[in-house]
Amino acid sequence: MKKALAILLTGAMAVTLLGGCSGGGSTGGGKTTTAAATAAATTAAATTAAATTAAAASSDTTAAATEAPAASSQYAVTEPITIQWWHALEDQYSQTVVDVVDEFNKSQDLITVEAVYIGNYSAVNEALVAAHAAGTGLPAITVANGPNLATYAEGGLPENLEPYIADSGYDVDDFAKGMIDACTYQGTRFALPFLISTQTVYYNKDLAKELNVTVPEKFEDMDAFLEATTEFNADGTTKRYGAIIPGWDNNYFETLFQNQGLKLVNDDQISTDLGSEKGIEIVKKIKEWCEKGYIYWASGTNASSIMRQHFIDKEAFSVFHTTSLYDTYVDRCDFEVGMAWLPGGDTKNQEIGGSLLIIPSKNDQATKNAAWQFLMFLCGKDVNMKWADETGYLPTRNSVLKTDEGVEFLERKPEFENIFKNLDIIYPKIQHPGWSQMTSIWKSYMSEIMIEDVDIESKIEDMVEEINEVLEDS
C-alpha cells in the first residue's frame, strides 16, 4: 500500500494513454492554460523522488485526509479567493469549459476559478501525485481517473467529502448508484461523478440493415456475427473487419472476461483468475478471430485515431469505444451510426469510464471550501445537462433524464436510450492499489498474444505470475 502512489507516478510517466476520454490539446478555458500546465509538468518531473517518500508516509496522510473540520463555520467562503481547476478536456470542449467557468464566476463575488488544461489523465495523474508529494503546487480541485481513486485514498491525497456533503445537504442520492459507488473507497466518499462514460459498440447502422444483422447480446454469438460482417478481398486479406477491439485500453475488453464469470482480482485480493481454463479459452477465441481476419486488435502509436478512421472509411463494421465520442463518430461518418451494448455472458454489466472530481487534502481550508462550492456547481443539476449535451458524456443525475432538456436530448440522440435504460448495470471499476500496474501488464501481454505468433498458454502463465506479484505487493 505504501508504494502505491510512487508506482502510479512511475507508470504515468512511462505510458501515454490513447482514447476518446483523454488525449492531446492545448486550451481549456479560464485565464491561462499553457503556462500552468507547463509548470505542473515541471513540478512532476522535479519531484518524482519526493513521490516515493510521500507514498511511504501514506498511513499518516490518510488519517489527515479523512479528518473532518471541527465546525461547519469552517466551510464558509468569507474572503475573495482565486483557485485553479485542473482538467483533461481537449480543444473541442474548450468553449464549454469557458462558458461553465464564466457562469460560475459571475454567479457569486468571492471565488474566481481558473481552468487549467494539464493533458490526458496520465498527465494529470503525474502532475497531481508529484505536487501532493512536494506539498506545493496543488490545484484546488482536479479531475481524476476513477481507477486511481483507491491509490489516491491510500496515499491521503483526496479530501474526505462526507462532512462537506453533510454540512451543505448536497443531494448525492440523485446520482446513479454505480456512479456514486465509483466515488467511494472503503465506505468513504472522496469524489463526485463528473464526466462519466461507458463502453459501447458503434456500428454501421445502414450496413446492418443491408446485411440484416444485429450486434449480438452474448459473446458466444460473436462467431456468426463476425462471419456475417467481415468482408475479404480477392487475395484473402481483410477488406472490412467485423469489429475492432482497442488493445490500448483494457476498459474495452475486460467485461468480455468479467461477464463470463472471471474475477480479474480474486476475493483474496492477491491473485487473478485470468489464468483459469475459462480465461485461456476467451483469449484463444479472440486470437482465433484475429487470425481469421475477423477483428483488428488496435494497439500501439495512434491506435485510437487509426481505429476511428477504419470505421469512418467503412473498413470496419463496428468498433468498441467510449460513449463520450458519439458526436465525433456521427459528425465524421457519412452513414447512420448505431450504438449497442457490449456482448455479455451470464451477466451484461459494463464499467464506468470518464472522470471524477476530487479536492486535494493538503490545501488550506479556505481553498478547500472554495473548491467545494465549485465542485457542487460542476456536478449540479443545472450544469449537468450542459456537460452531457456539449461533451458527449452521460448525464450523471437520474432527475435530469426526466426534465424537458433530458427528453429533448434523447429526441436528438435516440441511440443513447440503450445506454440510459442500462444505467443500473454500469458499475465502478475495480478498486485495488495495484490495479493500474496490473492492467499495464495485462494490456501488454494481450497485445503481444494477439499480434505475434506466440504460445498462448505459456504467455498467460507468465502474465498471471507477474500480475499476482503486483497484487500481492500492493
Protein backbone atom coordinates (compact mmCIF):
# COMPACT_ATOMS: atom_id res chain seq x y z
CA MET A 1 0.00 0.00 0.00
CA LYS A 2 2.80 2.40 0.89
CA LYS A 3 4.35 2.10 -2.57
CA ALA A 4 1.09 2.72 -4.42
CA LEU A 5 1.46 6.43 -5.17
CA ALA A 6 5.06 6.01 -6.26
CA ILE A 7 4.03 3.18 -8.59
CA LEU A 8 1.22 5.31 -10.03
CA LEU A 9 3.62 8.15 -10.79
CA THR A 10 6.21 5.85 -12.35
CA GLY A 11 3.56 4.20 -14.52
CA ALA A 12 2.11 7.50 -15.61
CA MET A 13 5.49 8.79 -16.76
CA ALA A 14 6.06 5.63 -18.80
CA VAL A 15 2.69 5.32 -20.51
CA THR A 16 0.71 7.78 -22.64
CA LEU A 17 -2.97 6.86 -22.77
CA LEU A 18 -4.87 6.88 -26.06
CA GLY A 19 -8.63 7.27 -26.37
CA GLY A 20 -11.67 9.45 -26.59
CA CYS A 21 -11.76 10.31 -22.90
CA SER A 22 -8.30 11.85 -22.89
CA GLY A 23 -5.51 12.96 -25.11
CA GLY A 24 -3.72 15.94 -26.59
CA GLY A 25 -4.80 19.51 -26.85
CA SER A 26 -3.86 22.94 -25.59
CA THR A 27 -6.51 25.25 -24.22
CA GLY A 28 -9.37 24.58 -21.89
CA GLY A 29 -10.76 27.81 -20.54
CA GLY A 30 -10.22 30.22 -17.71
CA LYS A 31 -7.41 32.78 -17.75
CA THR A 32 -4.29 30.84 -18.69
CA THR A 33 -3.60 27.25 -19.52
CA THR A 34 -0.29 26.59 -21.22
CA ALA A 35 1.95 28.19 -18.61
CA ALA A 36 0.19 26.49 -15.74
CA ALA A 37 0.25 23.14 -17.46
CA THR A 38 3.98 23.52 -18.13
CA ALA A 39 4.58 24.39 -14.50
CA ALA A 40 2.62 21.34 -13.39
CA ALA A 41 4.63 19.10 -15.68
CA THR A 42 7.88 20.65 -14.40
CA THR A 43 6.79 20.02 -10.83
CA ALA A 44 6.03 16.41 -11.73
CA ALA A 45 9.46 15.82 -13.27
CA ALA A 46 11.27 17.52 -10.40
CA THR A 47 9.53 15.67 -7.59
CA THR A 48 9.46 12.04 -8.67
CA ALA A 49 11.77 11.11 -5.82
CA ALA A 50 9.60 13.01 -3.37
CA ALA A 51 6.62 10.96 -4.51
CA THR A 52 8.26 7.82 -3.18
CA THR A 53 8.92 9.45 0.18
CA ALA A 54 5.36 10.76 0.44
CA ALA A 55 3.92 7.40 -0.51
CA ALA A 56 5.86 5.78 2.33
CA ALA A 57 4.03 8.07 4.73
CA SER A 58 0.61 7.22 3.34
CA SER A 59 -0.72 5.79 6.58
CA ASP A 60 -0.26 9.16 8.28
CA THR A 61 -1.72 11.26 5.47
CA THR A 62 -4.73 9.00 5.08
CA ALA A 63 -5.80 9.83 8.62
CA ALA A 64 -5.33 13.55 7.97
CA ALA A 65 -7.34 13.38 4.78
CA THR A 66 -10.32 11.76 6.45
CA GLU A 67 -10.46 14.07 9.46
CA ALA A 68 -13.45 16.41 9.29
CA PRO A 69 -13.12 20.13 10.01
CA ALA A 70 -14.13 20.98 13.55
CA ALA A 71 -17.13 23.18 12.85
CA SER A 72 -19.41 23.92 9.92
CA SER A 73 -18.33 27.58 10.02
CA GLN A 74 -15.02 26.39 8.62
CA TYR A 75 -16.79 25.53 5.35
CA ALA A 76 -17.83 29.08 4.57
CA VAL A 77 -16.08 31.17 1.92
CA THR A 78 -15.67 34.57 3.59
CA GLU A 79 -12.96 36.35 1.58
CA PRO A 80 -12.14 36.70 -2.13
CA ILE A 81 -10.04 33.83 -3.40
CA THR A 82 -8.72 32.62 -6.76
CA ILE A 83 -8.45 28.87 -7.29
CA GLN A 84 -7.31 26.54 -10.05
CA TRP A 85 -9.22 23.66 -11.57
CA TRP A 86 -7.12 21.07 -13.35
CA HIS A 87 -8.90 19.22 -16.15
CA ALA A 88 -8.29 16.94 -19.13
CA LEU A 89 -10.85 18.34 -21.56
CA GLU A 90 -9.39 18.73 -25.04
CA ASP A 91 -9.69 21.59 -27.52
CA GLN A 92 -13.08 20.53 -28.85
CA TYR A 93 -14.53 21.13 -25.38
CA SER A 94 -12.73 24.41 -24.66
CA GLN A 95 -15.73 26.68 -25.27
CA THR A 96 -17.89 24.61 -22.94
CA VAL A 97 -15.21 24.90 -20.26
CA VAL A 98 -15.02 28.66 -20.76
CA ASP A 99 -18.81 29.03 -20.62
CA VAL A 100 -19.21 26.94 -17.46
CA VAL A 101 -16.36 28.63 -15.59
CA ASP A 102 -17.61 32.10 -16.61
CA GLU A 103 -21.11 31.23 -15.44
CA PHE A 104 -19.80 30.19 -12.03
CA ASN A 105 -17.53 33.22 -11.67
CA LYS A 106 -20.43 35.55 -12.46
CA SER A 107 -22.81 33.73 -10.11
CA GLN A 108 -21.03 34.96 -6.96
CA ASP A 109 -18.48 37.57 -5.86
CA LEU A 110 -15.87 35.75 -3.79
CA ILE A 111 -14.48 32.86 -5.84
CA THR A 112 -12.60 33.20 -9.13
CA VAL A 113 -11.88 29.93 -10.89
CA GLU A 114 -9.08 29.49 -13.40
CA ALA A 115 -9.41 26.37 -15.58
CA VAL A 116 -6.08 24.76 -16.45
CA TYR A 117 -5.70 22.07 -19.10
CA ILE A 118 -2.99 19.66 -17.91
CA GLY A 119 -3.20 16.93 -20.55
CA ASN A 120 -4.69 13.46 -20.58
CA TYR A 121 -5.48 11.50 -17.43
CA SER A 122 -1.96 10.13 -17.31
CA ALA A 123 -0.53 13.66 -17.36
CA VAL A 124 -2.97 14.81 -14.68
CA ASN A 125 -2.04 11.84 -12.50
CA GLU A 126 1.68 12.52 -12.91
CA ALA A 127 1.39 16.20 -12.02
CA LEU A 128 -1.06 15.59 -9.17
CA VAL A 129 0.91 12.84 -7.42
CA ALA A 130 4.12 14.85 -7.73
CA ALA A 131 2.51 18.01 -6.34
CA HIS A 132 1.00 16.04 -3.47
CA ALA A 133 4.41 14.58 -2.66
CA ALA A 134 6.01 18.01 -2.76
CA GLY A 135 3.20 19.56 -0.74
CA THR A 136 3.03 22.53 -3.08
CA GLY A 137 1.59 23.48 -6.46
CA LEU A 138 -1.67 21.61 -5.92
CA PRO A 139 -4.88 22.69 -7.64
CA ALA A 140 -7.92 23.47 -5.52
CA ILE A 141 -9.96 20.92 -7.47
CA THR A 142 -9.00 18.40 -10.13
CA VAL A 143 -10.34 15.67 -12.34
CA ALA A 144 -9.22 12.15 -11.50
CA ASN A 145 -9.44 8.92 -13.44
CA GLY A 146 -11.71 6.58 -11.48
CA PRO A 147 -9.35 3.58 -11.16
CA ASN A 148 -6.77 5.81 -9.42
CA LEU A 149 -9.10 6.73 -6.55
CA ALA A 150 -8.15 3.75 -4.38
CA THR A 151 -4.46 4.54 -4.66
CA TYR A 152 -5.09 8.22 -4.03
CA ALA A 153 -7.14 7.44 -0.93
CA GLU A 154 -4.50 5.07 0.39
CA GLY A 155 -1.94 7.85 -0.06
CA GLY A 156 -4.06 10.51 1.64
CA LEU A 157 -4.34 12.63 -1.50
CA PRO A 158 -8.10 13.41 -1.72
CA GLU A 159 -10.14 15.24 0.89
CA ASN A 160 -12.90 13.27 2.61
CA LEU A 161 -16.09 14.82 1.20
CA GLU A 162 -18.51 13.31 3.71
CA PRO A 163 -18.51 16.28 6.14
CA TYR A 164 -18.92 18.75 3.26
CA ILE A 165 -21.88 16.78 1.89
CA ALA A 166 -23.49 16.59 5.31
CA ASP A 167 -22.95 20.27 6.11
CA SER A 168 -24.32 21.55 2.78
CA GLY A 169 -27.12 19.00 2.43
CA TYR A 170 -25.90 18.31 -1.10
CA ASP A 171 -28.11 15.74 -2.84
CA VAL A 172 -25.92 12.77 -3.73
CA ASP A 173 -28.80 10.28 -3.87
CA ASP A 174 -29.80 11.68 -7.26
CA PHE A 175 -26.64 10.26 -8.83
CA ALA A 176 -26.87 6.81 -10.41
CA LYS A 177 -25.80 4.25 -7.79
CA GLY A 178 -22.87 2.88 -9.76
CA MET A 179 -21.55 6.38 -10.30
CA ILE A 180 -21.57 7.33 -6.62
CA ASP A 181 -20.09 3.93 -5.71
CA ALA A 182 -17.19 4.72 -8.03
CA CYS A 183 -16.51 7.80 -5.87
CA THR A 184 -16.35 5.80 -2.67
CA TYR A 185 -13.42 3.93 -1.17
CA GLN A 186 -13.84 1.72 1.89
CA GLY A 187 -17.14 3.38 2.72
CA THR A 188 -15.97 6.99 2.41
CA ARG A 189 -16.77 9.38 -0.44
CA PHE A 190 -13.64 11.03 -1.72
CA ALA A 191 -15.04 12.26 -5.05
CA LEU A 192 -18.17 13.08 -7.02
CA PRO A 193 -19.03 11.95 -10.58
CA PHE A 194 -18.09 14.42 -13.27
CA LEU A 195 -17.76 13.39 -16.91
CA ILE A 196 -18.94 9.80 -16.98
CA SER A 197 -18.89 7.43 -19.92
CA THR A 198 -19.15 3.72 -20.51
CA GLN A 199 -18.22 1.29 -23.24
CA THR A 200 -20.34 0.84 -26.35
CA VAL A 201 -20.25 -0.85 -29.74
CA TYR A 202 -20.52 1.70 -32.54
CA TYR A 203 -21.73 0.08 -35.73
CA ASN A 204 -22.70 0.97 -39.28
CA LYS A 205 -26.47 1.03 -38.99
CA ASP A 206 -27.04 1.34 -42.74
CA LEU A 207 -24.90 -1.72 -43.40
CA ALA A 208 -26.59 -3.60 -40.57
CA LYS A 209 -29.92 -3.15 -42.32
CA GLU A 210 -28.42 -4.23 -45.63
CA LEU A 211 -26.85 -7.37 -44.13
CA ASN A 212 -29.80 -7.98 -41.79
CA VAL A 213 -27.54 -8.37 -38.75
CA THR A 214 -27.59 -7.11 -35.18
CA VAL A 215 -24.80 -6.77 -32.66
CA PRO A 216 -25.06 -9.92 -30.51
CA GLU A 217 -26.01 -9.73 -26.86
CA LYS A 218 -23.87 -12.76 -25.99
CA PHE A 219 -20.16 -13.40 -26.51
CA GLU A 220 -20.99 -16.93 -27.69
CA ASP A 221 -22.83 -15.47 -30.71
CA MET A 222 -19.88 -13.40 -31.90
CA ASP A 223 -18.64 -16.03 -34.37
CA ALA A 224 -21.73 -15.81 -36.56
CA PHE A 225 -21.83 -12.03 -36.28
CA LEU A 226 -18.19 -11.59 -37.30
CA GLU A 227 -18.53 -14.03 -40.17
CA ALA A 228 -21.53 -12.10 -41.50
CA THR A 229 -19.99 -8.64 -41.18
CA THR A 230 -16.39 -9.29 -42.30
CA GLU A 231 -15.59 -8.83 -45.98
CA PHE A 232 -12.46 -10.13 -47.72
CA ASN A 233 -10.51 -9.06 -50.78
CA ALA A 234 -9.89 -11.46 -53.65
CA ASP A 235 -6.44 -12.27 -52.24
CA GLY A 236 -7.90 -13.25 -48.87
CA THR A 237 -6.88 -10.13 -46.98
CA THR A 238 -9.49 -8.30 -44.93
CA LYS A 239 -11.37 -5.55 -46.73
CA ARG A 240 -13.78 -4.81 -43.88
CA TYR A 241 -13.32 -6.02 -40.29
CA GLY A 242 -16.35 -7.24 -38.41
CA ALA A 243 -15.08 -5.44 -35.32
CA ILE A 244 -12.11 -3.57 -33.93
CA ILE A 245 -11.18 -4.06 -30.28
CA PRO A 246 -8.99 -1.39 -28.64
CA GLY A 247 -6.00 -3.22 -27.24
CA TRP A 248 -4.55 0.01 -25.87
CA ASP A 249 -7.14 0.15 -23.08
CA ASN A 250 -8.39 -2.80 -21.04
CA ASN A 251 -11.67 -0.95 -20.40
CA TYR A 252 -12.87 -2.08 -23.80
CA PHE A 253 -12.23 -5.79 -23.42
CA GLU A 254 -12.24 -6.59 -19.72
CA THR A 255 -16.03 -7.01 -19.48
CA LEU A 256 -15.75 -9.77 -22.12
CA PHE A 257 -14.00 -11.69 -19.35
CA GLN A 258 -15.96 -10.48 -16.32
CA ASN A 259 -19.39 -11.21 -17.79
CA GLN A 260 -18.35 -14.82 -18.26
CA GLY A 261 -17.64 -15.23 -14.58
CA LEU A 262 -13.95 -14.38 -14.34
CA LYS A 263 -12.63 -12.37 -11.43
CA LEU A 264 -9.85 -10.11 -12.61
CA VAL A 265 -8.91 -9.71 -8.95
CA ASN A 266 -9.94 -12.63 -6.78
CA ASP A 267 -11.58 -12.25 -3.39
CA ASP A 268 -8.21 -12.82 -1.72
CA GLN A 269 -7.08 -9.54 -3.36
CA ILE A 270 -3.68 -11.05 -4.20
CA SER A 271 -4.41 -13.16 -7.29
CA THR A 272 -6.20 -13.09 -10.64
CA ASP A 273 -8.48 -15.58 -12.39
CA LEU A 274 -7.12 -14.75 -15.85
CA GLY A 275 -5.09 -17.97 -15.93
CA SER A 276 -8.15 -20.16 -15.41
CA GLU A 277 -9.45 -22.52 -18.07
CA LYS A 278 -12.19 -20.02 -18.97
CA GLY A 279 -9.72 -17.15 -19.12
CA ILE A 280 -7.46 -19.03 -21.53
CA GLU A 281 -10.48 -20.04 -23.61
CA ILE A 282 -11.56 -16.41 -24.08
CA VAL A 283 -8.07 -15.29 -25.10
CA LYS A 284 -7.79 -18.15 -27.59
CA LYS A 285 -11.17 -17.25 -29.11
CA ILE A 286 -10.19 -13.60 -29.62
CA LYS A 287 -6.85 -14.72 -31.09
CA GLU A 288 -8.77 -17.00 -33.49
CA TRP A 289 -10.81 -14.02 -34.70
CA CYS A 290 -7.60 -12.06 -35.27
CA GLU A 291 -6.05 -14.88 -37.26
CA LYS A 292 -9.16 -15.26 -39.40
CA GLY A 293 -9.13 -11.55 -40.19
CA TYR A 294 -12.48 -11.01 -38.48
CA ILE A 295 -11.23 -8.44 -35.96
CA TYR A 296 -8.43 -5.91 -35.75
CA TRP A 297 -6.65 -5.59 -32.40
CA ALA A 298 -5.81 -1.89 -32.17
CA SER A 299 -2.68 -1.11 -30.19
CA GLY A 300 0.47 0.94 -30.44
CA THR A 301 1.05 4.52 -31.59
CA ASN A 302 -2.09 6.39 -32.73
CA ALA A 303 -4.19 3.25 -32.25
CA SER A 304 -7.31 5.22 -31.33
CA SER A 305 -7.23 7.51 -34.37
CA ILE A 306 -6.38 4.60 -36.67
CA MET A 307 -9.35 2.65 -35.35
CA ARG A 308 -11.71 5.58 -35.81
CA GLN A 309 -10.51 6.13 -39.35
CA HIS A 310 -11.10 2.48 -40.27
CA PHE A 311 -14.69 2.86 -39.10
CA ILE A 312 -15.23 6.20 -40.85
CA ASP A 313 -13.83 4.76 -44.09
CA LYS A 314 -16.18 1.76 -43.81
CA GLU A 315 -13.25 -0.59 -43.33
CA ALA A 316 -14.84 -1.86 -40.11
CA PHE A 317 -18.44 -2.73 -39.43
CA SER A 318 -18.11 -1.97 -35.72
CA VAL A 319 -15.71 -0.68 -33.09
CA PHE A 320 -15.65 -0.96 -29.31
CA HIS A 321 -15.20 2.52 -27.87
CA THR A 322 -16.41 5.12 -25.37
CA THR A 323 -19.89 6.66 -25.38
CA SER A 324 -18.24 10.06 -25.00
CA LEU A 325 -17.20 10.01 -28.67
CA TYR A 326 -20.71 9.63 -30.08
CA ASP A 327 -20.80 13.15 -31.54
CA THR A 328 -17.36 12.66 -33.11
CA TYR A 329 -18.40 9.48 -34.89
CA VAL A 330 -21.73 10.90 -36.05
CA ASP A 331 -20.13 14.09 -37.36
CA ARG A 332 -17.43 12.28 -39.32
CA CYS A 333 -19.37 9.34 -40.77
CA ASP A 334 -21.48 9.56 -43.92
CA PHE A 335 -23.70 6.71 -42.72
CA GLU A 336 -26.03 6.28 -39.76
CA VAL A 337 -24.15 5.34 -36.60
CA GLY A 338 -25.72 2.92 -34.15
CA MET A 339 -24.83 2.17 -30.54
CA ALA A 340 -25.15 -1.25 -28.93
CA TRP A 341 -24.31 -2.84 -25.60
CA LEU A 342 -21.12 -4.91 -25.50
CA PRO A 343 -21.67 -8.68 -25.84
CA GLY A 344 -22.14 -10.25 -22.41
CA GLY A 345 -22.39 -13.68 -20.90
CA ASP A 346 -24.19 -14.77 -17.75
CA THR A 347 -24.28 -11.04 -16.96
CA LYS A 348 -24.04 -7.99 -19.21
CA ASN A 349 -22.51 -5.48 -16.82
CA GLN A 350 -20.36 -2.62 -18.01
CA GLU A 351 -18.00 -0.26 -16.26
CA ILE A 352 -17.86 3.41 -15.55
CA GLY A 353 -15.33 5.41 -17.52
CA GLY A 354 -14.51 9.08 -17.62
CA SER A 355 -13.52 11.20 -14.67
CA LEU A 356 -14.37 12.11 -11.09
CA LEU A 357 -13.72 15.35 -9.21
CA ILE A 358 -11.58 15.46 -6.08
CA ILE A 359 -10.27 18.15 -3.73
CA PRO A 360 -6.60 17.68 -2.71
CA SER A 361 -6.36 17.33 1.05
CA LYS A 362 -3.12 19.27 1.57
CA ASN A 363 -4.64 22.60 0.55
CA ASP A 364 -5.56 25.10 3.27
CA GLN A 365 -9.16 25.10 4.46
CA ALA A 366 -10.10 28.33 2.66
CA THR A 367 -9.00 26.81 -0.65
CA LYS A 368 -10.88 23.58 0.06
CA ASN A 369 -14.04 25.49 0.94
CA ALA A 370 -13.91 27.41 -2.33
CA ALA A 371 -13.21 24.18 -4.21
CA TRP A 372 -16.28 22.55 -2.66
CA GLN A 373 -18.50 25.38 -3.86
CA PHE A 374 -17.19 25.00 -7.40
CA LEU A 375 -17.42 21.20 -7.23
CA MET A 376 -21.10 21.40 -6.27
CA PHE A 377 -21.67 23.72 -9.20
CA LEU A 378 -19.85 21.48 -11.71
CA CYS A 379 -21.87 18.44 -10.63
CA GLY A 380 -25.14 20.28 -10.09
CA LYS A 381 -28.41 19.60 -11.86
CA ASP A 382 -28.40 22.88 -13.77
CA VAL A 383 -24.97 22.28 -15.31
CA ASN A 384 -25.21 18.50 -15.69
CA MET A 385 -27.23 18.51 -18.90
CA LYS A 386 -24.91 21.09 -20.46
CA TRP A 387 -21.95 18.79 -19.90
CA ALA A 388 -23.86 15.84 -21.36
CA ASP A 389 -25.13 17.71 -24.39
CA GLU A 390 -21.93 19.51 -25.33
CA THR A 391 -19.31 16.88 -24.49
CA GLY A 392 -20.97 13.55 -25.29
CA TYR A 393 -20.61 12.27 -21.72
CA LEU A 394 -23.55 10.75 -19.86
CA PRO A 395 -25.92 12.65 -17.58
CA THR A 396 -24.94 11.64 -14.06
CA ARG A 397 -28.19 12.54 -12.31
CA ASN A 398 -31.35 10.48 -12.60
CA SER A 399 -33.61 13.53 -12.31
CA VAL A 400 -32.00 15.19 -15.33
CA LEU A 401 -33.34 12.48 -17.65
CA LYS A 402 -36.90 13.44 -16.71
CA THR A 403 -36.51 17.14 -17.46
CA ASP A 404 -37.56 18.80 -20.70
CA GLU A 405 -33.88 19.10 -21.57
CA GLY A 406 -33.35 15.38 -20.96
CA VAL A 407 -36.33 14.39 -23.11
CA GLU A 408 -35.17 16.71 -25.88
CA PHE A 409 -31.66 15.24 -25.64
CA LEU A 410 -32.96 11.75 -26.34
CA GLU A 411 -35.05 13.02 -29.24
CA ARG A 412 -31.87 14.33 -30.86
CA LYS A 413 -29.70 11.38 -29.82
CA PRO A 414 -32.02 8.36 -29.63
CA GLU A 415 -29.11 5.89 -29.63
CA PHE A 416 -28.44 6.88 -26.02
CA GLU A 417 -31.74 5.31 -24.96
CA ASN A 418 -29.99 1.94 -24.97
CA ILE A 419 -27.38 3.32 -22.57
CA PHE A 420 -29.77 5.13 -20.26
CA LYS A 421 -32.00 2.10 -19.75
CA ASN A 422 -28.98 0.17 -18.52
CA LEU A 423 -27.55 2.73 -16.09
CA ASP A 424 -28.20 0.37 -13.17
CA ILE A 425 -25.77 -2.23 -14.56
CA ILE A 426 -22.90 0.20 -15.12
CA TYR A 427 -20.60 -0.45 -12.18
CA PRO A 428 -17.42 1.08 -10.76
CA LYS A 429 -14.13 -0.30 -11.95
CA ILE A 430 -12.09 -2.49 -9.65
CA GLN A 431 -10.63 -0.56 -6.73
CA HIS A 432 -7.26 -2.03 -5.84
CA PRO A 433 -3.97 -0.18 -5.25
CA GLY A 434 -2.25 -2.48 -7.74
CA TRP A 435 -4.90 -2.15 -10.44
CA SER A 436 -3.06 0.35 -12.64
CA GLN A 437 0.13 -1.69 -12.71
CA MET A 438 -1.81 -4.93 -13.16
CA THR A 439 -3.68 -3.65 -16.19
CA SER A 440 -0.48 -2.35 -17.78
CA ILE A 441 0.87 -5.89 -17.63
CA TRP A 442 -2.39 -7.36 -18.93
CA LYS A 443 -2.62 -4.96 -21.88
CA SER A 444 0.99 -5.62 -22.86
CA TYR A 445 0.58 -9.39 -22.86
CA MET A 446 -2.77 -9.26 -24.66
CA SER A 447 -1.33 -7.19 -27.49
CA GLU A 448 1.67 -9.50 -27.79
CA ILE A 449 -0.60 -12.54 -27.94
CA MET A 450 -2.97 -11.01 -30.50
CA ILE A 451 -0.29 -9.61 -32.80
CA GLU A 452 2.63 -12.03 -32.51
CA ASP A 453 2.98 -15.77 -33.11
CA VAL A 454 3.42 -16.96 -29.53
CA ASP A 455 2.43 -19.87 -27.33
CA ILE A 456 -0.74 -18.54 -25.70
CA GLU A 457 -0.79 -20.73 -22.60
CA SER A 458 2.85 -20.10 -21.69
CA LYS A 459 2.38 -16.35 -22.18
CA ILE A 460 -0.71 -16.33 -19.98
CA GLU A 461 1.18 -18.28 -17.34
CA ASP A 462 3.96 -15.67 -17.34
CA MET A 463 1.39 -12.86 -17.29
CA VAL A 464 -0.51 -14.30 -14.32
CA GLU A 465 2.71 -14.75 -12.37
CA GLU A 466 3.61 -11.07 -12.89
CA ILE A 467 0.09 -9.87 -12.05
CA ASN A 468 -0.10 -11.95 -8.87
CA GLU A 469 3.23 -10.50 -7.72
CA VAL A 470 1.89 -6.98 -8.22
CA LEU A 471 -1.38 -7.69 -6.44
CA GLU A 472 0.38 -9.33 -3.52
CA ASP A 473 2.86 -6.49 -3.22
CA SER A 474 0.31 -3.66 -3.40
